[in-house]
Amino acid sequence: MKLPRRLRPGEEATLYEHLGELRGRLIVCLVSIAVGFIVAFIFHDHLVRSLEHALPESRRQLVTFGVTEPFMTSLWVSLWAGFALALPIVLWQLWSFLAPALELHTQRTVAIFVFCATVLLACGLAFGYYLALPASVHFLTNYDSNLYDINVRARDYISFAILVMAAVGVVFELPIVVLALVRLGILTTKKLRTNRRIGYVIVAAVAVALPGIDPVTTTLEAIPLIVLYEATIWVAVVFERRWRPAPGAAELT
């Protein structure tokens, strides 16, 4: 399969050529997802075992109901893992299609933002996997254990685990969102500092709205949100000085 050629900045192309490039990049994305799914399905037992680590040792034997549930659960886990494996290729194809419409200095800025967003996402997933998920699961599986015979259903638990990790990963993207708004001029660091209390209320509301019905998960999602929000304000102060030229310099130019 011939890979689509990336257009140079400012290079003109016909609608037919753009559609042909788009089709080629979509095919690359679908093939990469399919390959990722196959690889993930081969190792799906390791994936399920790695998600079970958050459960108490006495509850790590997941329960299924129905004839098709074991197969469908493994298939669903493999699909999500395959998409995660293929995500760098998918994002690269998207970027390669859109980048020629941007100037070179804009491309560099976007590339820096994407790199930082990737690092923050990885940190968020690690925080969710090693801290948020185990704390949440231990609280939920031991709550009123004297009243219930608690058995953990595979499909429900895996869905919950993926949602918690994804939610924490999204939470860690807060600095990128705030910095992007500051870069576009929609927000200023002065507004962020003077409206700090409102920001904390919004952060708490976001933490409550994220997946995780128990107070432990909500708290563990709110804590990094607040820390990241505060850190982002000071990082934005530094970058805003670079992005906003001094009024005297603007007049001289």
Protein backbone atom coordinates (compact mmCIF):
# COMPACT_ATOMS: atom_id res chain seq x y z
CA MET A 1 0.00 0.00 0.00
CA LYS A 2 1.39 3.38 -1.03
CA LEU A 3 1.47 5.85 1.84
CA PRO A 4 -0.13 9.26 1.17
CA ARG A 5 2.28 12.08 0.44
CA ARG A 6 2.33 14.98 2.87
CA LEU A 7 1.83 18.34 1.18
CA ARG A 8 4.35 21.10 1.75
CA PRO A 9 3.21 24.32 3.47
CA GLY A 10 1.51 26.54 0.90
CA GLU A 11 1.44 23.81 -1.76
CA GLU A 12 -1.76 23.89 -3.76
CA ALA A 13 -3.77 20.78 -4.56
CA THR A 14 -7.05 20.06 -6.28
CA LEU A 15 -10.15 18.83 -4.44
CA TYR A 16 -9.64 15.41 -6.01
CA GLU A 17 -6.06 15.26 -4.68
CA HIS A 18 -7.22 16.30 -1.19
CA LEU A 19 -9.92 13.61 -1.20
CA GLY A 20 -7.40 11.05 -2.42
CA GLU A 21 -5.01 12.00 0.37
CA LEU A 22 -7.82 11.85 2.94
CA ARG A 23 -8.85 8.39 1.72
CA GLY A 24 -5.27 7.16 1.91
CA ARG A 25 -4.82 8.45 5.45
CA LEU A 26 -8.11 6.91 6.57
CA ILE A 27 -6.98 3.56 5.19
CA VAL A 28 -3.69 3.86 7.09
CA CYS A 29 -5.63 4.63 10.29
CA LEU A 30 -7.99 1.68 9.85
CA VAL A 31 -5.15 -0.72 9.06
CA SER A 32 -3.16 0.46 12.10
CA ILE A 33 -6.20 0.01 14.36
CA ALA A 34 -6.79 -3.47 12.93
CA VAL A 35 -3.16 -4.45 13.53
CA GLY A 36 -3.30 -3.00 17.04
CA PHE A 37 -6.48 -4.96 17.73
CA ILE A 38 -4.90 -8.23 16.56
CA VAL A 39 -1.83 -7.68 18.73
CA ALA A 40 -3.99 -6.74 21.73
CA PHE A 41 -6.26 -9.76 21.26
CA ILE A 42 -3.25 -12.09 21.25
CA PHE A 43 -2.25 -10.71 24.64
CA HIS A 44 -5.75 -9.98 25.97
CA ASP A 45 -5.25 -12.26 28.98
CA HIS A 46 -2.31 -10.12 30.11
CA LEU A 47 -4.43 -6.99 29.64
CA VAL A 48 -7.23 -8.34 31.82
CA ARG A 49 -4.76 -9.50 34.48
CA SER A 50 -3.12 -6.08 34.52
CA LEU A 51 -6.50 -4.44 35.16
CA GLU A 52 -7.25 -6.92 37.95
CA HIS A 53 -4.26 -5.67 39.96
CA ALA A 54 -6.40 -2.94 41.54
CA LEU A 55 -8.80 -5.43 43.06
CA PRO A 56 -8.26 -6.98 46.50
CA GLU A 57 -6.60 -10.37 46.14
CA SER A 58 -9.73 -12.16 47.32
CA ARG A 59 -11.78 -10.66 44.47
CA ARG A 60 -9.44 -10.95 41.50
CA GLN A 61 -11.33 -13.86 39.95
CA LEU A 62 -13.78 -11.92 37.79
CA VAL A 63 -17.27 -13.32 37.24
CA THR A 64 -19.13 -13.54 33.92
CA PHE A 65 -22.78 -14.25 33.19
CA GLY A 66 -23.99 -15.78 29.97
CA VAL A 67 -22.40 -17.82 27.21
CA THR A 68 -20.99 -14.97 25.10
CA GLU A 69 -19.83 -12.61 27.85
CA PRO A 70 -16.26 -13.98 28.25
CA PHE A 71 -15.58 -13.67 24.51
CA MET A 72 -17.30 -10.28 24.13
CA THR A 73 -15.48 -8.86 27.15
CA SER A 74 -12.09 -9.96 25.83
CA LEU A 75 -13.02 -8.60 22.40
CA TRP A 76 -14.04 -5.25 23.86
CA VAL A 77 -10.82 -4.94 25.89
CA SER A 78 -8.75 -5.80 22.82
CA LEU A 79 -10.56 -3.22 20.72
CA TRP A 80 -9.84 -0.42 23.17
CA ALA A 81 -6.23 -1.52 23.63
CA GLY A 82 -5.77 -1.81 19.87
CA PHE A 83 -7.07 1.72 19.40
CA ALA A 84 -4.68 2.96 22.10
CA LEU A 85 -1.76 1.25 20.35
CA ALA A 86 -2.74 2.78 17.02
CA LEU A 87 -3.49 6.24 18.45
CA PRO A 88 -0.02 7.73 17.70
CA ILE A 89 -0.36 6.69 14.05
CA VAL A 90 -3.94 8.02 13.86
CA LEU A 91 -2.91 11.37 15.35
CA TRP A 92 0.10 11.57 13.04
CA GLN A 93 -2.12 10.99 10.00
CA LEU A 94 -4.53 13.67 11.20
CA TRP A 95 -1.67 16.09 11.79
CA SER A 96 -0.09 15.33 8.41
CA PHE A 97 -3.40 16.11 6.69
CA LEU A 98 -3.99 19.41 8.53
CA ALA A 99 -0.43 20.71 8.94
CA PRO A 100 0.06 22.05 5.37
CA ALA A 101 -2.72 24.59 6.03
CA LEU A 102 -0.65 26.13 8.87
CA GLU A 103 2.43 28.31 8.72
CA LEU A 104 5.72 26.86 9.89
CA HIS A 105 5.86 28.80 13.19
CA THR A 106 2.26 27.74 13.93
CA GLN A 107 3.18 24.14 13.20
CA ARG A 108 6.00 24.35 15.76
CA THR A 109 3.64 25.77 18.40
CA VAL A 110 1.05 23.07 17.77
CA ALA A 111 3.74 20.37 17.84
CA ILE A 112 4.92 21.58 21.27
CA PHE A 113 1.34 21.58 22.57
CA VAL A 114 0.76 18.06 21.23
CA PHE A 115 3.99 16.78 22.81
CA CYS A 116 3.08 18.30 26.19
CA ALA A 117 -0.47 16.93 25.92
CA THR A 118 0.92 13.43 25.24
CA VAL A 119 3.22 13.60 28.27
CA LEU A 120 0.39 14.84 30.50
CA LEU A 121 -1.93 12.11 29.20
CA ALA A 122 0.66 9.45 30.01
CA CYS A 123 1.07 10.91 33.51
CA GLY A 124 -2.70 10.95 33.98
CA LEU A 125 -3.09 7.34 32.91
CA ALA A 126 -0.28 6.31 35.26
CA PHE A 127 -1.87 8.26 38.13
CA GLY A 128 -5.22 6.61 37.42
CA TYR A 129 -3.74 3.12 37.10
CA TYR A 130 -1.52 3.15 40.18
CA LEU A 131 -3.39 5.48 42.57
CA ALA A 132 -6.96 6.45 41.66
CA LEU A 133 -8.21 3.06 40.48
CA PRO A 134 -6.85 0.93 43.38
CA ALA A 135 -8.12 3.39 46.01
CA SER A 136 -11.54 3.61 44.39
CA VAL A 137 -11.89 -0.16 43.92
CA HIS A 138 -10.82 -0.95 47.49
CA PHE A 139 -13.40 1.49 48.83
CA LEU A 140 -16.23 0.19 46.66
CA THR A 141 -15.57 -3.54 47.02
CA ASN A 142 -15.36 -3.27 50.82
CA TYR A 143 -18.32 -0.97 51.31
CA ASP A 144 -21.05 -2.74 53.33
CA SER A 145 -19.26 -6.04 52.77
CA ASN A 146 -21.09 -7.41 55.83
CA LEU A 147 -24.41 -6.95 53.99
CA TYR A 148 -23.56 -8.29 50.54
CA ASP A 149 -21.86 -11.25 48.94
CA ILE A 150 -19.69 -9.13 46.65
CA ASN A 151 -18.69 -10.68 43.32
CA VAL A 152 -17.06 -8.53 40.68
CA ARG A 153 -18.49 -8.89 37.19
CA ALA A 154 -15.80 -8.78 34.49
CA ARG A 155 -17.66 -6.55 32.02
CA ASP A 156 -18.71 -3.99 34.60
CA TYR A 157 -15.34 -3.85 36.33
CA ILE A 158 -13.32 -3.45 33.11
CA SER A 159 -15.68 -0.71 31.93
CA PHE A 160 -15.28 1.07 35.26
CA ALA A 161 -11.48 0.71 35.22
CA ILE A 162 -11.15 2.09 31.69
CA LEU A 163 -13.49 4.99 32.48
CA VAL A 164 -11.57 5.94 35.62
CA MET A 165 -8.20 5.90 33.87
CA ALA A 166 -9.56 7.79 30.86
CA ALA A 167 -11.18 10.38 33.14
CA VAL A 168 -7.94 10.98 35.06
CA GLY A 169 -6.08 11.19 31.75
CA VAL A 170 -8.49 13.89 30.56
CA VAL A 171 -8.12 15.70 33.91
CA PHE A 172 -4.37 15.97 33.35
CA GLU A 173 -5.01 17.81 30.05
CA LEU A 174 -6.25 20.87 31.97
CA PRO A 175 -2.97 22.82 31.58
CA ILE A 176 -3.07 22.42 27.81
CA VAL A 177 -6.65 23.70 27.63
CA VAL A 178 -5.91 26.73 29.83
CA LEU A 179 -2.67 27.57 28.02
CA ALA A 180 -4.43 27.28 24.66
CA LEU A 181 -7.14 29.71 25.82
CA VAL A 182 -4.47 32.11 27.07
CA ARG A 183 -2.58 31.80 23.77
CA LEU A 184 -5.76 32.62 21.83
CA GLY A 185 -6.46 35.60 24.04
CA ILE A 186 -9.73 34.22 25.40
CA LEU A 187 -8.28 34.09 28.93
CA THR A 188 -5.61 36.15 30.65
CA THR A 189 -3.52 35.31 33.67
CA LYS A 190 -4.98 38.33 35.42
CA LYS A 191 -8.48 36.87 35.07
CA LEU A 192 -7.25 33.47 36.22
CA ARG A 193 -5.68 34.93 39.36
CA THR A 194 -8.53 37.28 40.30
CA ASN A 195 -11.18 34.59 39.68
CA ARG A 196 -9.31 31.80 41.46
CA ARG A 197 -12.27 30.86 43.66
CA ILE A 198 -14.59 30.57 40.68
CA GLY A 199 -11.96 28.37 39.03
CA TYR A 200 -11.89 26.08 42.05
CA VAL A 201 -15.68 25.76 41.94
CA ILE A 202 -15.54 24.86 38.24
CA VAL A 203 -12.75 22.35 38.93
CA ALA A 204 -14.81 20.72 41.69
CA ALA A 205 -17.85 20.58 39.39
CA VAL A 206 -15.77 18.93 36.67
CA ALA A 207 -14.45 16.35 39.16
CA VAL A 208 -18.02 15.50 40.23
CA ALA A 209 -19.15 15.21 36.60
CA LEU A 210 -16.33 12.83 35.67
CA PRO A 211 -16.89 9.05 35.80
CA GLY A 212 -16.69 7.61 39.30
CA ILE A 213 -19.72 7.74 41.58
CA ASP A 214 -17.86 7.21 44.85
CA PRO A 215 -16.28 9.98 46.94
CA VAL A 216 -12.83 8.42 46.77
CA THR A 217 -12.65 8.56 42.97
CA THR A 218 -14.13 12.06 42.90
CA THR A 219 -11.60 13.29 45.46
CA LEU A 220 -8.67 11.68 43.66
CA GLU A 221 -9.81 13.32 40.44
CA ALA A 222 -10.30 16.71 42.11
CA ILE A 223 -6.89 16.85 43.83
CA PRO A 224 -4.76 16.75 40.64
CA LEU A 225 -7.24 19.10 38.97
CA ILE A 226 -6.72 21.73 41.68
CA VAL A 227 -2.93 21.26 41.69
CA LEU A 228 -2.75 21.42 37.89
CA TYR A 229 -5.04 24.45 37.78
CA GLU A 230 -2.82 26.34 40.25
CA ALA A 231 0.38 25.30 38.47
CA THR A 232 -1.10 26.24 35.10
CA ILE A 233 -1.78 29.79 36.27
CA TRP A 234 1.90 30.35 37.03
CA VAL A 235 3.07 28.61 33.88
CA ALA A 236 0.67 30.80 31.89
CA VAL A 237 2.17 33.90 33.52
CA VAL A 238 5.58 32.98 32.09
CA PHE A 239 4.27 32.18 28.60
CA GLU A 240 1.94 35.15 28.45
CA ARG A 241 4.91 37.50 28.75
CA ARG A 242 6.42 35.86 25.68
CA TRP A 243 3.18 35.76 23.72
CA ARG A 244 2.11 39.34 24.49
CA PRO A 245 4.66 41.93 23.38
CA ALA A 246 5.12 44.97 25.56
CA PRO A 247 2.96 47.98 24.49
CA GLY A 248 6.07 50.12 23.92
CA ALA A 249 7.58 47.47 21.64
CA ALA A 250 4.38 47.32 19.61
CA GLU A 251 4.44 51.08 19.08
CA LEU A 252 8.10 51.03 18.00
CA THR A 253 7.38 48.41 15.36
